[in-house]
């Protein structure tokens, strides 16, 4: 049930916050706080323990990217979703490297925002289609890094990691690779253990750093 999912919205434009809050609450989500910047989001998160924090990038005092890094240090279990008008590669890469699990553009349809929040809350990653194309266009044209993952991950684990980095959830990966969801979950657990990471954002950063893309 969406009403069991607690959200914090951080954006320095009150009208944007109000619009997001109304849209999400109409779908049954519980918005426990809406704040003006990343610093306020951190403070509210410590008190209210949300499942997901929605962050704009351009905010005063502490911007969204700085906030993501701070959340990773202080509240690593809270899922982070960037909602912004910025769609250039520099911002996208910084967001992914900062630990966010999703990136949605502000002109996205309400249905896409709903899907993004649900996906991120369930442990998946979500990127708007145009963002995903920007993110992976360069990687698809490059060879794998010299510091290859081939001696770390099995070919199947690399397949799972590549699809995860594209924003797919467990069910989508299972369909794509024609395996069971439980097998996908097992692969993800092994990937985390082998890489020494604890969350999907860190797995995606590894995929980007090592140019792991769909074969």
Protein backbone atom coordinates (compact mmCIF):
# COMPACT_ATOMS: atom_id res chain seq x y z
CA UNK A 1 0.00 0.00 0.00
CA UNK A 2 1.31 3.45 -0.98
CA UNK A 3 0.05 5.00 2.26
CA UNK A 4 2.71 3.07 4.14
CA UNK A 5 5.42 4.84 2.10
CA UNK A 6 6.64 8.02 3.79
CA UNK A 7 8.17 10.76 1.64
CA UNK A 8 10.05 14.02 2.11
CA UNK A 9 10.09 16.58 -0.71
CA UNK A 10 12.97 19.06 -0.95
CA UNK A 11 12.67 21.92 -3.47
CA UNK A 12 13.22 25.64 -3.08
CA UNK A 13 10.08 26.51 -5.07
CA UNK A 14 6.93 26.30 -2.89
CA UNK A 15 4.63 25.83 -5.87
CA UNK A 16 6.67 22.84 -7.06
CA UNK A 17 6.57 21.29 -3.59
CA UNK A 18 2.83 21.82 -3.33
CA UNK A 19 2.25 20.32 -6.77
CA UNK A 20 4.36 17.25 -6.03
CA UNK A 21 2.76 16.80 -2.64
CA UNK A 22 -0.77 16.99 -4.05
CA UNK A 23 0.07 14.56 -6.86
CA UNK A 24 1.70 12.01 -4.56
CA UNK A 25 -0.86 12.22 -1.78
CA UNK A 26 -3.64 11.69 -4.33
CA UNK A 27 -2.01 8.32 -5.05
CA UNK A 28 -1.94 7.36 -1.38
CA UNK A 29 1.64 8.28 -0.45
CA UNK A 30 2.28 10.03 2.87
CA UNK A 31 4.32 13.23 2.53
CA UNK A 32 5.68 13.73 6.04
CA UNK A 33 7.55 16.95 5.22
CA UNK A 34 8.25 19.39 2.39
CA UNK A 35 11.34 21.54 2.82
CA UNK A 36 13.38 24.23 1.10
CA UNK A 37 16.84 22.63 0.77
CA UNK A 38 19.01 19.60 1.39
CA UNK A 39 20.04 20.63 4.88
CA UNK A 40 16.41 20.86 5.97
CA UNK A 41 15.74 17.48 4.33
CA UNK A 42 18.51 15.87 6.38
CA UNK A 43 17.16 17.34 9.61
CA UNK A 44 13.61 16.23 8.81
CA UNK A 45 14.79 12.75 7.83
CA UNK A 46 16.46 12.26 11.20
CA UNK A 47 13.18 13.01 12.95
CA UNK A 48 10.65 11.43 10.57
CA UNK A 49 12.49 8.43 9.05
CA UNK A 50 11.04 8.56 5.51
CA UNK A 51 11.32 5.73 3.00
CA UNK A 52 12.17 8.03 0.09
CA UNK A 53 13.43 11.61 -0.19
CA UNK A 54 12.69 13.55 -3.38
CA UNK A 55 15.34 16.18 -4.09
CA UNK A 56 15.77 18.99 -6.58
CA UNK A 57 19.36 19.63 -7.69
CA UNK A 58 19.47 23.44 -7.58
CA UNK A 59 18.68 24.49 -4.01
CA UNK A 60 20.25 27.03 -1.62
CA UNK A 61 22.36 26.14 1.42
CA UNK A 62 22.76 22.48 0.36
CA UNK A 63 21.94 21.37 -3.17
CA UNK A 64 20.55 17.98 -4.17
CA UNK A 65 23.88 16.40 -5.06
CA UNK A 66 25.48 17.51 -1.79
CA UNK A 67 22.42 16.24 0.05
CA UNK A 68 22.65 12.82 -1.62
CA UNK A 69 26.23 12.44 -0.43
CA UNK A 70 25.25 13.48 3.09
CA UNK A 71 22.32 11.05 3.13
CA UNK A 72 24.62 8.22 2.05
CA UNK A 73 26.84 8.94 5.05
CA UNK A 74 24.13 9.57 7.65
CA UNK A 75 21.07 7.64 6.46
CA UNK A 76 22.20 5.05 3.89
CA UNK A 77 18.93 3.10 4.09
CA UNK A 78 16.82 6.05 2.90
CA UNK A 79 16.18 5.94 -0.84
CA UNK A 80 16.92 9.08 -2.86
CA UNK A 81 15.13 10.29 -5.99
CA UNK A 82 16.24 13.38 -7.90
CA UNK A 83 13.48 15.43 -9.56
CA UNK A 84 14.91 18.25 -11.67
CA UNK A 85 14.81 20.17 -14.93
CA UNK A 86 18.52 19.49 -15.60
CA UNK A 87 19.05 16.81 -18.25
CA UNK A 88 22.68 17.29 -19.25
CA UNK A 89 25.19 14.47 -18.77
CA UNK A 90 27.35 16.32 -16.22
CA UNK A 91 24.49 16.57 -13.74
CA UNK A 92 23.30 13.03 -14.45
CA UNK A 93 26.72 11.51 -13.77
CA UNK A 94 27.18 13.55 -10.59
CA UNK A 95 23.79 12.40 -9.33
CA UNK A 96 24.52 8.72 -9.98
CA UNK A 97 27.92 9.00 -8.32
CA UNK A 98 26.37 10.72 -5.30
CA UNK A 99 24.21 7.70 -4.48
CA UNK A 100 20.74 8.58 -5.79
CA UNK A 101 18.63 5.66 -6.95
CA UNK A 102 16.61 7.61 -9.49
CA UNK A 103 16.49 10.67 -11.73
CA UNK A 104 13.21 12.07 -13.07
CA UNK A 105 12.71 15.26 -15.08
CA UNK A 106 10.17 17.78 -13.83
CA UNK A 107 8.23 17.64 -17.08
CA UNK A 108 7.54 13.92 -16.59
CA UNK A 109 3.94 12.74 -16.54
CA UNK A 110 2.40 12.12 -13.10
CA UNK A 111 2.27 8.41 -13.92
CA UNK A 112 6.04 8.34 -14.43
CA UNK A 113 6.67 10.07 -11.11
CA UNK A 114 4.44 7.52 -9.38
CA UNK A 115 6.31 4.64 -11.02
CA UNK A 116 9.68 6.17 -10.12
CA UNK A 117 8.79 6.53 -6.43
CA UNK A 118 7.40 2.99 -6.25
CA UNK A 119 10.42 1.52 -8.04
CA UNK A 120 12.96 3.32 -5.88
CA UNK A 121 11.11 2.44 -2.68
CA UNK A 122 11.14 -1.25 -3.67
CA UNK A 123 14.93 -1.21 -4.01
CA UNK A 124 15.14 -0.62 -7.75
CA UNK A 125 16.51 2.27 -9.78
CA UNK A 126 14.60 4.57 -12.11
CA UNK A 127 15.79 6.97 -14.79
CA UNK A 128 13.57 8.93 -17.16
CA UNK A 129 14.03 7.53 -20.67
CA UNK A 130 15.88 10.60 -21.98
CA UNK A 131 18.16 10.54 -18.93
CA UNK A 132 18.91 6.84 -19.43
CA UNK A 133 19.82 7.46 -23.08
CA UNK A 134 22.17 10.26 -22.10
CA UNK A 135 23.71 8.21 -19.31
CA UNK A 136 24.47 5.14 -21.39
CA UNK A 137 25.18 6.61 -24.83
CA UNK A 138 28.88 7.10 -24.11
CA UNK A 139 29.26 3.76 -22.35
CA UNK A 140 27.83 1.80 -25.27
CA UNK A 141 30.56 3.16 -27.50
CA UNK A 142 33.48 2.37 -25.22
CA UNK A 143 35.37 -0.80 -24.48
CA UNK A 144 35.58 -2.12 -20.94
CA UNK A 145 38.01 -0.60 -18.57
CA UNK A 146 41.47 -2.08 -18.16
CA UNK A 147 40.57 -2.69 -14.54
CA UNK A 148 37.94 -5.11 -15.82
CA UNK A 149 35.32 -6.80 -13.71
CA UNK A 150 35.88 -10.07 -15.57
CA UNK A 151 38.00 -11.45 -12.74
CA UNK A 152 35.38 -10.40 -10.18
CA UNK A 153 31.93 -11.06 -11.63
CA UNK A 154 30.65 -13.95 -13.70
CA UNK A 155 29.20 -13.17 -17.17
CA UNK A 156 25.67 -13.66 -15.84
CA UNK A 157 26.33 -11.38 -12.87
CA UNK A 158 27.60 -8.74 -15.30
CA UNK A 159 24.38 -9.11 -17.31
CA UNK A 160 22.30 -8.57 -14.18
CA UNK A 161 24.41 -5.59 -13.13
CA UNK A 162 24.18 -3.98 -16.58
CA UNK A 163 20.39 -4.26 -16.63
CA UNK A 164 20.17 -2.95 -13.07
CA UNK A 165 22.23 0.06 -14.14
CA UNK A 166 19.76 0.66 -16.97
CA UNK A 167 17.04 1.09 -14.36
CA UNK A 168 15.37 -2.31 -14.52
CA UNK A 169 13.81 -3.91 -11.47
CA UNK A 170 14.10 -7.59 -10.53
CA UNK A 171 11.02 -8.66 -12.49
CA UNK A 172 12.17 -6.86 -15.65
CA UNK A 173 15.65 -8.36 -15.38
CA UNK A 174 14.15 -11.82 -14.90
CA UNK A 175 12.06 -11.43 -18.06
CA UNK A 176 14.97 -10.03 -20.06
CA UNK A 177 17.34 -12.86 -19.08
CA UNK A 178 14.65 -15.58 -18.97
CA UNK A 179 15.42 -16.50 -15.38
CA UNK A 180 13.39 -16.44 -12.17
CA UNK A 181 13.08 -13.43 -9.88
CA UNK A 182 14.66 -15.49 -7.09
CA UNK A 183 17.67 -16.13 -9.33
CA UNK A 184 17.98 -12.40 -10.00
CA UNK A 185 17.86 -11.73 -6.26
CA UNK A 186 20.56 -14.34 -5.69
CA UNK A 187 22.77 -12.78 -8.36
CA UNK A 188 22.30 -9.33 -6.84
CA UNK A 189 23.29 -10.62 -3.41
CA UNK A 190 26.43 -12.24 -4.84
CA UNK A 191 27.30 -9.05 -6.72
CA UNK A 192 27.04 -7.01 -3.52
CA UNK A 193 29.18 -9.52 -1.66
CA UNK A 194 31.85 -9.65 -4.37
CA UNK A 195 32.02 -5.87 -4.77
CA UNK A 196 31.79 -5.17 -1.05
CA UNK A 197 28.87 -2.78 -1.44
CA UNK A 198 25.55 -2.55 0.38
CA UNK A 199 23.09 -0.87 -1.98
CA UNK A 200 21.96 -0.52 -5.58
CA UNK A 201 23.44 2.94 -6.00
CA UNK A 202 26.93 1.62 -5.25
CA UNK A 203 26.38 -1.24 -7.70
CA UNK A 204 25.40 1.24 -10.42
CA UNK A 205 28.47 3.36 -9.71
CA UNK A 206 30.61 0.25 -10.16
CA UNK A 207 28.89 -0.52 -13.47
CA UNK A 208 29.56 3.00 -14.72
CA UNK A 209 33.16 3.08 -13.52
CA UNK A 210 33.89 -0.23 -15.27
CA UNK A 211 31.82 0.41 -18.42
CA UNK A 212 29.61 -2.60 -17.79
CA UNK A 213 26.81 -2.46 -20.35
CA UNK A 214 24.37 -4.90 -21.90
CA UNK A 215 26.12 -7.44 -24.12
